[in-house]
Protein backbone atom coordinates (compact mmCIF):
# COMPACT_ATOMS: atom_id res chain seq x y z
CA MET A 1 -4.94 -2.87 0.16
CA ALA A 2 -1.86 -4.83 -0.71
CA VAL A 3 1.16 -2.76 -1.70
CA VAL A 4 3.03 -4.81 -4.27
CA ALA A 5 6.06 -4.33 -6.51
CA SER A 6 5.14 -6.72 -9.32
CA ALA A 7 2.27 -8.37 -11.13
CA GLU A 8 3.27 -11.72 -9.66
CA ALA A 9 3.17 -10.32 -6.11
CA GLY A 10 -0.20 -8.69 -6.83
CA LEU A 11 -1.82 -11.90 -7.98
CA LYS A 12 -0.49 -13.70 -4.90
CA ALA A 13 -1.86 -10.92 -2.67
CA ILE A 14 -5.33 -11.38 -4.19
CA GLU A 15 -5.14 -15.07 -3.28
CA LYS A 16 -4.38 -13.99 0.31
CA GLY A 17 -7.44 -11.76 0.47
CA ALA A 18 -6.38 -8.34 -0.84
CA THR A 19 -9.39 -6.34 -2.03
CA ILE A 20 -7.39 -3.61 -3.78
CA LEU A 21 -3.80 -3.46 -5.01
CA GLN A 22 -1.32 -0.61 -5.10
CA LEU A 23 1.48 -1.23 -7.56
CA ARG A 24 4.45 0.57 -6.01
CA ALA A 25 7.88 -0.11 -7.45
CA PRO A 26 9.99 3.07 -7.14
CA ASP A 27 13.15 1.33 -8.35
CA LEU A 28 11.63 0.40 -11.71
CA THR A 29 11.86 2.58 -14.80
CA ALA A 30 8.61 3.92 -16.23
CA ARG A 31 8.78 1.27 -18.96
CA GLU A 32 9.32 -1.55 -16.45
CA LEU A 33 6.50 -0.26 -14.24
CA GLU A 34 4.20 -0.07 -17.23
CA ARG A 35 5.11 -3.67 -18.13
CA GLU A 36 4.17 -4.81 -14.61
CA ALA A 37 0.94 -2.79 -14.66
CA ASN A 38 -0.03 -4.17 -18.06
CA ALA A 39 0.56 -7.70 -16.74
CA LEU A 40 -1.37 -7.09 -13.53
CA VAL A 41 -4.42 -4.96 -14.38
CA PRO A 42 -6.14 -7.33 -16.85
CA GLN A 43 -5.55 -10.36 -14.62
CA ALA A 44 -6.53 -8.75 -11.30
CA SER A 45 -9.98 -9.47 -9.95
CA VAL A 46 -9.68 -6.37 -7.74
CA PRO A 47 -8.99 -2.70 -8.53
CA VAL A 48 -5.35 -1.72 -9.10
CA VAL A 49 -3.93 1.73 -8.40
CA VAL A 50 -0.44 2.74 -9.48
CA SER A 51 1.78 4.67 -7.09
CA SER A 52 2.78 8.12 -8.27
CA ARG A 53 2.46 7.54 -12.04
CA CYS A 54 -0.74 8.82 -13.62
CA ASP A 55 0.70 8.10 -17.06
CA VAL A 56 1.35 4.45 -16.28
CA ALA A 57 -2.03 4.06 -14.56
CA LEU A 58 -3.83 5.42 -17.62
CA ALA A 59 -1.75 3.42 -20.10
CA ALA A 60 -2.50 0.19 -18.24
CA GLY A 61 -6.18 0.94 -17.64
CA ALA A 62 -5.72 0.90 -13.85
CA ALA A 63 -8.49 1.95 -11.49
CA GLY A 64 -6.48 4.94 -10.33
CA VAL A 65 -3.35 6.39 -8.81
CA ASN A 66 -2.04 6.84 -5.28
CA LEU A 67 0.06 9.95 -4.76
CA PRO A 68 2.82 10.28 -2.22
CA GLU A 69 2.50 13.41 -0.08
CA ARG A 70 5.11 15.35 -2.03
CA ASP A 71 3.92 14.27 -5.49
CA VAL A 72 1.92 16.11 -8.15
CA SER A 73 -1.10 18.06 -7.00
CA VAL A 74 -4.44 16.37 -6.66
CA ALA A 75 -5.89 18.85 -9.17
CA GLU A 76 -3.31 17.87 -11.78
CA ALA A 77 -3.88 14.18 -11.11
CA ARG A 78 -7.67 14.61 -11.25
CA THR A 79 -7.37 16.42 -14.60
CA LEU A 80 -5.49 13.43 -15.99
CA MET A 81 -7.36 10.68 -14.17
CA GLY A 82 -10.93 11.97 -14.52
CA GLN A 83 -13.29 9.83 -12.46
CA ARG A 84 -10.67 7.17 -11.67
CA LEU A 85 -9.50 6.83 -8.08
CA VAL A 86 -7.04 9.38 -6.74
CA GLY A 87 -5.59 8.67 -3.31
CA ARG A 88 -2.93 10.39 -1.25
CA SER A 89 -0.48 8.95 1.28
CA VAL A 90 -0.21 11.27 4.29
CA HIS A 91 1.66 11.41 7.57
CA ALA A 92 -0.30 14.00 9.54
CA ILE A 93 -3.86 15.10 10.21
CA ASP A 94 -3.46 18.44 8.44
CA ALA A 95 -2.23 16.69 5.31
CA ALA A 96 -5.26 14.38 5.37
CA VAL A 97 -7.65 17.33 5.72
CA THR A 98 -5.90 19.14 2.87
CA ALA A 99 -6.01 16.05 0.66
CA GLU A 100 -9.74 15.67 1.28
CA ARG A 101 -10.34 19.34 0.50
CA GLU A 102 -8.34 18.93 -2.73
CA GLY A 103 -10.63 16.08 -3.80
CA VAL A 104 -8.94 12.74 -3.15
CA ASP A 105 -11.08 9.65 -2.86
CA TYR A 106 -9.14 8.20 0.10
CA VAL A 107 -6.00 8.71 2.17
CA ILE A 108 -3.43 6.23 3.39
CA PHE A 109 -2.17 7.31 6.80
CA GLY A 110 0.93 6.17 8.61
CA PRO A 111 3.11 4.65 9.60
CA VAL A 112 0.87 3.73 12.50
CA TRP A 113 3.39 1.27 13.99
CA PRO A 114 7.09 0.73 13.28
CA SER A 115 7.51 -0.62 9.79
CA PRO A 116 10.38 -2.66 8.37
CA SER A 117 9.82 -1.05 4.96
CA HIS A 118 10.21 2.49 6.39
CA PRO A 119 12.53 2.08 9.40
CA ASP A 120 13.44 5.78 9.58
CA GLU A 121 9.87 7.05 9.84
CA LYS A 122 8.46 7.75 13.30
CA PRO A 123 5.30 5.75 14.07
CA GLN A 124 2.24 7.97 14.43
CA GLY A 125 0.28 5.63 16.70
CA ILE A 126 -3.27 4.36 16.82
CA ARG A 127 -4.55 7.56 18.49
CA SER A 128 -3.32 9.64 15.53
CA LEU A 129 -5.04 7.21 13.16
CA ALA A 130 -8.29 7.74 15.09
CA ASP A 131 -7.81 11.53 14.94
CA VAL A 132 -7.35 11.43 11.17
CA ALA A 133 -10.38 9.14 10.70
CA ARG A 134 -12.53 11.59 12.69
CA ALA A 135 -11.17 14.63 10.85
CA VAL A 136 -12.10 13.57 7.32
CA ASN A 137 -15.18 12.22 5.57
CA ILE A 138 -13.35 9.95 3.13
CA PRO A 139 -11.95 6.46 3.70
CA VAL A 140 -8.72 6.32 5.70
CA LEU A 141 -6.44 3.31 5.29
CA ALA A 142 -3.87 2.59 7.98
CA ILE A 143 -0.36 1.63 6.90
CA GLY A 144 2.86 0.77 8.69
CA GLY A 145 3.31 -2.28 10.86
CA VAL A 146 -0.22 -3.55 10.27
CA THR A 147 -0.58 -7.22 11.12
CA SER A 148 -3.67 -9.41 11.11
CA GLU A 149 -3.84 -8.90 14.89
CA ARG A 150 -3.68 -5.10 14.53
CA ALA A 151 -6.30 -4.91 11.78
CA ASP A 152 -9.12 -4.87 14.37
CA GLU A 153 -7.43 -1.97 16.18
CA CYS A 154 -7.38 -0.05 12.92
CA ALA A 155 -11.11 -0.62 12.40
CA LYS A 156 -11.90 0.37 16.01
CA ALA A 157 -9.92 3.58 15.45
CA GLY A 158 -12.19 4.39 12.51
CA ALA A 159 -10.05 3.28 9.58
CA ALA A 160 -11.95 1.96 6.59
CA GLY A 161 -9.21 -0.59 6.08
CA TYR A 162 -5.47 -0.96 5.89
CA ALA A 163 -2.64 -1.09 3.41
CA ALA A 164 0.22 -3.50 3.92
CA ILE A 165 3.27 -4.93 2.24
CA THR A 166 4.47 -7.75 4.47
CA LEU A 167 0.99 -9.00 5.42
CA PHE A 168 0.26 -9.99 1.83
CA ARG A 169 3.57 -11.66 0.97
């Protein structure tokens, strides 16, 4: 999963091998985010999820939404999103278990390693990633400091894949 802030960045990430996109642009207004989503979704050859904004995801015809840990409830998102993807970003095993119980389709766990995009967040480590992957029966994506060299470590730890910002630039 490539985490991108614009349609242009999303299309470039697809060229670099991204198999799913998360449009995450917290500094944009809802209107600006919708504009980017409307530019990206019809052109993307891979599914696009929108971070935190069910309304924008629905308006753009996106594949789903990814919810930060302190965002709307999964039940509320599922009511709006129906059968579209609903994911949750989590930072601990208990949050991943709760998210699965609440009905998410996947979790993004991290940061696994130090991350330049979240310098104040404590890395959880590869062992914690493995613990989360064993604790739930839904796909777990690793995030935070993932490089092409570390991608194999994520898979060995049980992650279904990884989400990254820098790797797809």
